[in-house]
Amino acid sequence: SHTGRFLAPILEGRGVRLADVPTKPRRKSAGSGAIEIRGAREHNLKNLSVDIPRDGMVVVTGLSGSGKSTLAFDILFAEGQRRFLDSMSPYARQFVEQMEKPDVDSIEGLPPSVAIEQRVTRGGGKSTVATVTEIYHFLRLLFAKLGTQHCPDCHVPVETRTPTAIAVEVCKLAGRGPVQVFANLVKARKGFHTDIARLASRQGIEKLLVDGKMVAVDGFTKLERFKEHTIDALVGTLDKPDAKTADDLVRRALVLGRGTARIEDAHGKSSVLSTEMNCPSCSRAFEPLDPRLFSFNSPHGWCLHCRGFGEVWSELGAGSKEFDSQLEAELDEERRHGRLKIPSPAHARSARGPA
């Protein structure tokens, strides 16, 4: 054996240098530009070794039973998911089904993976390829967390702004009348929200703006559980220009609102204050991006005219009814479109109104 030939000189007392032992040349690594699979023996695969290029679309073809699905799902997806779950805490892993390690010698350059399987399904009036395959949820999250927000008026990326600069703007605005400074605690979320009221009380907040109505913290009663609510804390009122008071109110509101606050002038005009989302040209501030803003199935993101359907039929018109929840609005739209008899393609152009 190779081991016996190597150990024979040592056992005879003659010794050997490692440099005298022939070594197999090391294979040059493909680096980060490819996923390297070595010795895959899962199901029908017989010791398969392959390099799959990254940052591009790769199609796996072959005869039925040749191992295409095994390579894609049982090896690439399973190992990518397993490695991703291994990076999570033991507490989080107990809620997720663990995947077995595939029968393979090594896999290099494999990032976390997402699998979309074939299935027959019947979508609704708003279904697209992205929603049916459920990849749209990941895209919305990607846009919200990694996207660069632009000002819709100036078409330039938003920038950060210091609390001092925001306080100066609020102080100037107070010269035209009293300015109320609010901190957003809940933005369009369902629940009783009694815990929010208790938290505000511990922070010294006396009044809350709940769904547009001012209520006292001491007399706060639980809200409707399955209705979306927006709650702002009244941090204080700036009656006249005062740099120190304005700076204190703004900083406290930004802390409570996690970088975002809101002001309301004497005329009832509301403006958003933000340390992260400000237009460098017009100084307009924006609230943080939310995945719901990118959903045409949500009142927060759909077009107010077509409500996410992309077109408006003249027989229906644009719905203007207000709803207490997203589910009610969605069911109403489905009912209205379900009763509509879709015209033939020859008459579709004349029946369709402006979107």
Protein backbone atom coordinates (compact mmCIF):
# COMPACT_ATOMS: atom_id res chain seq x y z
CA SER A 1 0.00 0.00 0.00
CA HIS A 2 1.05 3.66 -0.28
CA THR A 3 1.11 3.94 3.52
CA GLY A 4 3.36 0.88 3.81
CA ARG A 5 5.83 2.19 1.22
CA PHE A 6 6.01 5.51 3.04
CA LEU A 7 6.48 3.99 6.52
CA ALA A 8 8.97 1.31 5.48
CA PRO A 9 12.09 3.56 5.57
CA ILE A 10 11.00 5.05 8.91
CA LEU A 11 10.46 1.67 10.50
CA GLU A 12 13.89 0.54 9.24
CA GLY A 13 15.46 3.57 10.90
CA ARG A 14 16.54 5.30 7.69
CA GLY A 15 14.06 8.23 7.91
CA VAL A 16 12.62 10.09 4.98
CA ARG A 17 12.11 13.70 3.97
CA LEU A 18 8.65 14.87 3.04
CA ALA A 19 10.10 16.57 0.00
CA ASP A 20 11.08 13.14 -1.38
CA VAL A 21 7.48 11.96 -1.37
CA PRO A 22 5.71 12.61 -4.65
CA THR A 23 2.63 14.74 -4.18
CA LYS A 24 -0.39 15.14 -6.40
CA PRO A 25 -0.63 18.64 -7.86
CA ARG A 26 -3.35 20.66 -6.17
CA ARG A 27 -6.27 21.64 -8.34
CA LYS A 28 -6.58 25.34 -8.92
CA SER A 29 -9.66 26.70 -7.15
CA ALA A 30 -12.32 28.38 -9.21
CA GLY A 31 -12.55 31.11 -6.54
CA SER A 32 -15.74 33.00 -5.79
CA GLY A 33 -16.88 32.92 -9.39
CA ALA A 34 -18.35 29.40 -9.22
CA ILE A 35 -20.04 26.89 -6.93
CA GLU A 36 -17.71 23.88 -6.73
CA ILE A 37 -19.33 20.49 -6.09
CA ARG A 38 -17.08 17.48 -5.56
CA GLY A 39 -18.12 13.84 -5.16
CA ALA A 40 -21.92 14.14 -5.18
CA ARG A 41 -23.51 10.72 -4.61
CA GLU A 42 -27.08 11.67 -3.71
CA HIS A 43 -29.77 9.41 -5.31
CA ASN A 44 -28.89 8.83 -8.97
CA LEU A 45 -25.72 10.91 -8.97
CA LYS A 46 -22.55 8.79 -9.21
CA ASN A 47 -19.64 10.71 -7.73
CA LEU A 48 -20.47 13.88 -9.70
CA SER A 49 -18.07 16.83 -9.69
CA VAL A 50 -19.12 20.08 -11.35
CA ASP A 51 -18.46 23.83 -11.26
CA ILE A 52 -21.57 26.02 -11.58
CA PRO A 53 -20.93 29.68 -12.49
CA ARG A 54 -22.36 32.30 -10.12
CA ASP A 55 -23.96 35.69 -10.86
CA GLY A 56 -25.81 34.33 -13.88
CA MET A 57 -28.64 32.05 -15.00
CA VAL A 58 -27.68 28.38 -15.28
CA VAL A 59 -30.02 25.77 -16.79
CA VAL A 60 -29.63 22.09 -15.90
CA THR A 61 -30.93 19.74 -18.62
CA GLY A 62 -30.89 15.99 -19.08
CA LEU A 63 -32.96 12.83 -19.41
CA SER A 64 -35.63 11.92 -16.92
CA GLY A 65 -34.03 10.35 -13.86
CA SER A 66 -30.56 11.71 -14.61
CA GLY A 67 -30.43 13.67 -11.34
CA LYS A 68 -31.38 17.23 -12.35
CA SER A 69 -33.73 17.76 -9.41
CA THR A 70 -31.32 16.00 -7.09
CA LEU A 71 -28.54 18.41 -8.02
CA ALA A 72 -30.75 21.51 -7.74
CA PHE A 73 -32.89 20.71 -4.70
CA ASP A 74 -31.30 17.88 -2.71
CA ILE A 75 -27.74 19.19 -2.96
CA LEU A 76 -27.57 22.91 -3.77
CA PHE A 77 -30.73 24.04 -2.01
CA ALA A 78 -30.47 21.62 0.91
CA GLU A 79 -26.84 22.48 1.66
CA GLY A 80 -27.42 26.22 1.22
CA GLN A 81 -30.35 26.16 3.63
CA ARG A 82 -28.50 23.96 6.10
CA ARG A 83 -25.53 26.34 6.22
CA PHE A 84 -27.83 29.33 6.61
CA LEU A 85 -29.67 27.70 9.53
CA ASP A 86 -26.38 26.76 11.16
CA SER A 87 -25.54 30.47 11.38
CA MET A 88 -28.70 31.11 13.43
CA SER A 89 -29.04 30.76 17.17
CA PRO A 90 -30.13 27.42 18.68
CA TYR A 91 -33.34 29.08 19.86
CA ALA A 92 -34.28 30.15 16.31
CA ARG A 93 -33.32 26.78 14.80
CA GLN A 94 -35.84 24.90 16.94
CA PHE A 95 -38.71 26.49 15.00
CA VAL A 96 -37.34 25.54 11.57
CA GLU A 97 -37.24 22.08 10.04
CA GLN A 98 -33.64 20.92 9.81
CA MET A 99 -32.43 19.54 6.47
CA GLU A 100 -30.10 16.56 6.24
CA LYS A 101 -26.59 16.98 4.94
CA PRO A 102 -26.39 15.69 1.34
CA ASP A 103 -24.05 12.84 0.38
CA VAL A 104 -21.24 14.93 -1.11
CA ASP A 105 -17.52 15.29 -0.45
CA SER A 106 -17.40 19.09 -0.56
CA ILE A 107 -19.27 22.17 -1.76
CA GLU A 108 -17.45 25.49 -2.02
CA GLY A 109 -18.72 28.96 -2.88
CA LEU A 110 -22.36 28.21 -2.03
CA PRO A 111 -24.41 31.20 -0.74
CA PRO A 112 -27.77 30.96 1.10
CA SER A 113 -30.33 29.56 -1.35
CA VAL A 114 -34.03 29.87 -2.17
CA ALA A 115 -35.92 27.09 -4.03
CA ILE A 116 -39.05 27.55 -6.14
CA GLU A 117 -40.68 24.27 -7.05
CA GLN A 118 -43.09 23.57 -9.90
CA ARG A 119 -46.71 23.43 -8.89
CA VAL A 120 -50.13 23.90 -10.44
CA THR A 121 -52.07 26.74 -8.84
CA ARG A 122 -54.85 29.13 -9.68
CA GLY A 123 -54.12 32.70 -8.66
CA GLY A 124 -56.43 35.64 -8.11
CA GLY A 125 -57.00 38.79 -10.11
CA LYS A 126 -53.68 40.27 -9.00
CA SER A 127 -51.52 37.16 -9.23
CA THR A 128 -48.24 37.36 -11.12
CA VAL A 129 -45.35 34.95 -11.61
CA ALA A 130 -43.60 36.58 -8.66
CA THR A 131 -46.57 36.27 -6.28
CA VAL A 132 -47.47 32.69 -7.28
CA THR A 133 -43.89 31.52 -6.75
CA GLU A 134 -43.72 33.60 -3.53
CA ILE A 135 -40.47 35.22 -4.60
CA TYR A 136 -42.18 38.62 -4.48
CA HIS A 137 -41.98 38.57 -0.67
CA PHE A 138 -38.20 38.39 -0.88
CA LEU A 139 -38.07 41.14 -3.51
CA ARG A 140 -40.16 43.50 -1.38
CA LEU A 141 -37.91 42.87 1.60
CA LEU A 142 -34.84 43.40 -0.58
CA PHE A 143 -36.16 46.72 -1.91
CA ALA A 144 -37.07 47.97 1.58
CA LYS A 145 -33.84 47.01 3.32
CA LEU A 146 -31.20 47.52 0.60
CA GLY A 147 -32.86 49.94 -1.82
CA THR A 148 -31.70 53.55 -2.28
CA GLN A 149 -34.65 55.87 -1.81
CA HIS A 150 -34.98 58.88 -4.15
CA CYS A 151 -36.97 62.06 -3.80
CA PRO A 152 -39.97 61.83 -6.20
CA ASP A 153 -39.81 65.58 -6.87
CA CYS A 154 -36.05 66.16 -7.32
CA HIS A 155 -35.07 62.61 -8.44
CA VAL A 156 -31.95 62.57 -6.23
CA PRO A 157 -30.98 60.06 -3.52
CA VAL A 158 -31.98 60.99 0.01
CA GLU A 159 -29.27 61.69 2.58
CA THR A 160 -28.78 61.78 6.34
CA ARG A 161 -29.42 64.92 8.38
CA THR A 162 -28.32 65.93 11.88
CA PRO A 163 -30.84 66.56 14.68
CA THR A 164 -29.41 70.07 15.08
CA ALA A 165 -30.28 70.96 11.48
CA ILE A 166 -33.81 69.59 11.97
CA ALA A 167 -34.23 71.61 15.18
CA VAL A 168 -33.24 74.81 13.37
CA GLU A 169 -35.95 74.18 10.76
CA VAL A 170 -38.57 73.54 13.47
CA CYS A 171 -37.52 76.70 15.30
CA LYS A 172 -38.03 78.80 12.14
CA LEU A 173 -41.43 77.23 11.60
CA ALA A 174 -42.46 78.16 15.16
CA GLY A 175 -42.13 81.82 14.18
CA ARG A 176 -45.36 81.44 12.17
CA GLY A 177 -47.33 79.82 14.98
CA PRO A 178 -47.32 76.95 17.50
CA VAL A 179 -45.74 73.69 16.32
CA GLN A 180 -46.58 70.30 17.80
CA VAL A 181 -43.83 67.67 17.79
CA PHE A 182 -44.85 64.00 17.57
CA ALA A 183 -42.97 60.71 17.75
CA ASN A 184 -44.44 57.78 15.85
CA LEU A 185 -44.87 54.69 18.03
CA VAL A 186 -47.09 52.52 15.82
CA LYS A 187 -47.53 52.76 12.06
CA ALA A 188 -50.59 50.97 10.63
CA ARG A 189 -50.35 47.89 12.88
CA LYS A 190 -53.12 45.72 14.27
CA GLY A 191 -53.54 45.00 17.97
CA PHE A 192 -54.86 46.30 21.29
CA HIS A 193 -51.67 48.41 21.80
CA THR A 194 -52.17 48.78 25.54
CA ASP A 195 -48.47 48.03 25.97
CA ILE A 196 -47.65 51.08 23.83
CA ALA A 197 -49.69 53.28 26.15
CA ARG A 198 -47.89 51.91 29.21
CA LEU A 199 -44.52 52.49 27.54
CA ALA A 200 -45.49 56.08 26.69
CA SER A 201 -46.59 56.68 30.28
CA ARG A 202 -43.21 55.50 31.60
CA GLN A 203 -41.53 57.92 29.16
CA GLY A 204 -43.49 60.85 30.59
CA ILE A 205 -45.86 61.20 27.62
CA GLU A 206 -49.26 62.60 28.60
CA LYS A 207 -51.15 62.55 25.26
CA LEU A 208 -51.31 60.20 22.29
CA LEU A 209 -52.64 60.83 18.79
CA VAL A 210 -54.52 57.61 18.02
CA ASP A 211 -55.86 57.32 14.46
CA GLY A 212 -56.07 61.11 14.21
CA LYS A 213 -57.76 61.65 17.60
CA MET A 214 -55.97 63.01 20.67
CA VAL A 215 -56.43 60.87 23.79
CA ALA A 216 -54.92 61.01 27.27
CA VAL A 217 -52.48 58.27 28.21
CA ASP A 218 -54.13 57.77 31.60
CA GLY A 219 -57.52 57.12 30.00
CA PHE A 220 -56.25 54.89 27.19
CA THR A 221 -58.48 51.91 26.43
CA LYS A 222 -57.58 48.93 24.30
CA LEU A 223 -58.18 49.36 20.59
CA GLU A 224 -59.87 47.06 18.08
CA ARG A 225 -57.57 44.09 17.70
CA PHE A 226 -58.05 43.35 13.98
CA LYS A 227 -58.00 46.96 12.76
CA GLU A 228 -54.85 48.79 11.71
CA HIS A 229 -53.90 51.67 14.02
CA THR A 230 -51.40 54.51 13.93
CA ILE A 231 -50.25 55.98 17.24
CA ASP A 232 -48.11 59.11 17.68
CA ALA A 233 -46.85 60.46 21.01
CA LEU A 234 -47.14 64.20 21.58
CA VAL A 235 -43.64 65.06 22.77
CA GLY A 236 -44.33 68.78 23.20
CA THR A 237 -45.47 72.05 21.66
CA LEU A 238 -43.16 74.85 20.58
CA ASP A 239 -45.19 78.07 21.00
CA LYS A 240 -42.45 80.47 19.94
CA PRO A 241 -38.93 80.30 18.44
CA ASP A 242 -36.61 78.88 21.08
CA ALA A 243 -33.47 77.09 19.89
CA LYS A 244 -32.87 75.11 23.08
CA THR A 245 -36.47 73.97 23.50
CA ALA A 246 -36.71 73.03 19.84
CA ASP A 247 -33.50 71.04 20.03
CA ASP A 248 -34.70 69.16 23.14
CA LEU A 249 -38.10 68.33 21.64
CA VAL A 250 -36.66 67.19 18.32
CA ARG A 251 -33.99 64.99 19.88
CA ARG A 252 -36.47 63.35 22.23
CA ALA A 253 -38.97 62.75 19.41
CA LEU A 254 -36.25 61.22 17.21
CA VAL A 255 -35.22 58.88 20.03
CA LEU A 256 -38.79 57.72 20.68
CA GLY A 257 -39.52 57.44 16.96
CA ARG A 258 -36.22 55.68 16.19
CA GLY A 259 -34.89 58.34 13.85
CA THR A 260 -38.24 59.60 12.55
CA ALA A 261 -40.56 62.27 13.96
CA ARG A 262 -43.45 64.41 12.76
CA ILE A 263 -44.52 68.03 13.26
CA GLU A 264 -47.86 69.76 12.79
CA ASP A 265 -48.10 73.52 12.38
CA ALA A 266 -50.87 75.91 13.41
CA HIS A 267 -52.72 75.29 10.13
CA GLY A 268 -52.79 71.51 10.64
CA LYS A 269 -50.14 70.81 7.98
CA SER A 270 -48.09 67.73 8.85
CA SER A 271 -44.42 67.19 7.91
CA VAL A 272 -42.08 64.27 8.49
CA LEU A 273 -38.71 64.72 10.18
CA SER A 274 -35.96 62.17 9.67
CA THR A 275 -32.26 61.85 10.36
CA GLU A 276 -31.85 59.22 7.63
CA MET A 277 -34.26 60.09 4.79
CA ASN A 278 -33.91 63.71 3.63
CA CYS A 279 -33.75 65.23 0.15
CA PRO A 280 -30.61 67.40 -0.19
CA SER A 281 -32.37 69.68 -2.71
CA CYS A 282 -35.81 70.43 -1.23
CA SER A 283 -35.19 69.21 2.36
CA ARG A 284 -38.24 66.96 2.18
CA ALA A 285 -38.12 64.13 4.73
CA PHE A 286 -39.43 60.60 4.30
CA GLU A 287 -40.41 57.77 6.59
CA PRO A 288 -38.34 54.55 6.54
CA LEU A 289 -39.12 52.14 3.72
CA ASP A 290 -41.57 49.37 4.54
CA PRO A 291 -42.05 46.15 2.51
CA ARG A 292 -45.78 46.93 2.37
CA LEU A 293 -45.01 50.01 0.26
CA PHE A 294 -43.92 47.69 -2.56
CA SER A 295 -47.01 45.47 -2.47
CA PHE A 296 -49.92 46.03 -4.86
CA ASN A 297 -51.98 43.82 -2.54
CA SER A 298 -51.71 46.31 0.32
CA PRO A 299 -53.46 49.69 0.73
CA HIS A 300 -50.05 51.08 1.68
CA GLY A 301 -48.58 50.28 -1.72
CA TRP A 302 -51.31 49.93 -4.32
CA CYS A 303 -52.41 52.61 -6.77
CA LEU A 304 -55.34 54.58 -5.36
CA HIS A 305 -57.06 54.53 -8.75
CA CYS A 306 -56.90 50.84 -9.73
CA ARG A 307 -56.06 49.38 -6.28
CA GLY A 308 -53.35 47.13 -7.61
CA PHE A 309 -55.19 45.55 -10.56
CA GLY A 310 -53.28 47.64 -13.13
CA GLU A 311 -56.45 48.58 -15.03
CA VAL A 312 -59.91 49.99 -14.35
CA TRP A 313 -62.96 48.73 -16.21
CA SER A 314 -65.53 51.38 -17.01
CA GLU A 315 -68.29 49.14 -15.64
CA LEU A 316 -66.65 49.22 -12.20
CA GLY A 317 -64.92 52.58 -12.00
CA ALA A 318 -62.44 53.38 -9.26
CA GLY A 319 -63.44 52.24 -5.81
CA SER A 320 -63.59 55.05 -3.27
CA LYS A 321 -64.97 53.24 -0.22
CA GLU A 322 -62.84 53.36 2.92
CA PHE A 323 -62.11 50.11 4.75
CA ASP A 324 -60.93 49.32 8.26
CA SER A 325 -58.44 46.66 7.17
CA GLN A 326 -56.49 45.45 4.18
CA LEU A 327 -58.48 42.18 4.10
CA GLU A 328 -61.82 43.98 3.76
CA ALA A 329 -60.53 46.13 0.89
CA GLU A 330 -59.03 43.11 -0.88
CA LEU A 331 -62.24 41.05 -0.58
CA ASP A 332 -64.31 43.94 -1.86
CA GLU A 333 -62.11 44.31 -4.95
CA GLU A 334 -62.26 40.57 -5.66
CA ARG A 335 -66.07 40.60 -5.37
CA ARG A 336 -66.42 43.59 -7.66
CA HIS A 337 -64.14 42.11 -10.32
CA GLY A 338 -65.71 38.67 -9.93
CA ARG A 339 -69.12 40.05 -10.89
CA LEU A 340 -67.69 41.72 -14.01
CA LYS A 341 -68.12 39.93 -17.32
CA ILE A 342 -64.82 40.42 -19.11
CA PRO A 343 -65.38 41.55 -22.71
CA SER A 344 -63.76 39.92 -25.73
CA PRO A 345 -60.33 41.19 -26.87
CA ALA A 346 -62.00 43.04 -29.76
CA HIS A 347 -63.96 45.18 -27.32
CA ALA A 348 -61.47 45.28 -24.45
CA ARG A 349 -59.80 48.48 -25.61
CA SER A 350 -63.06 50.42 -25.73
CA ALA A 351 -64.27 49.03 -22.39
CA ARG A 352 -61.10 49.72 -20.50
CA GLY A 353 -60.75 53.09 -18.81
CA PRO A 354 -57.51 54.92 -17.97
CA ALA A 355 -55.24 53.22 -15.42
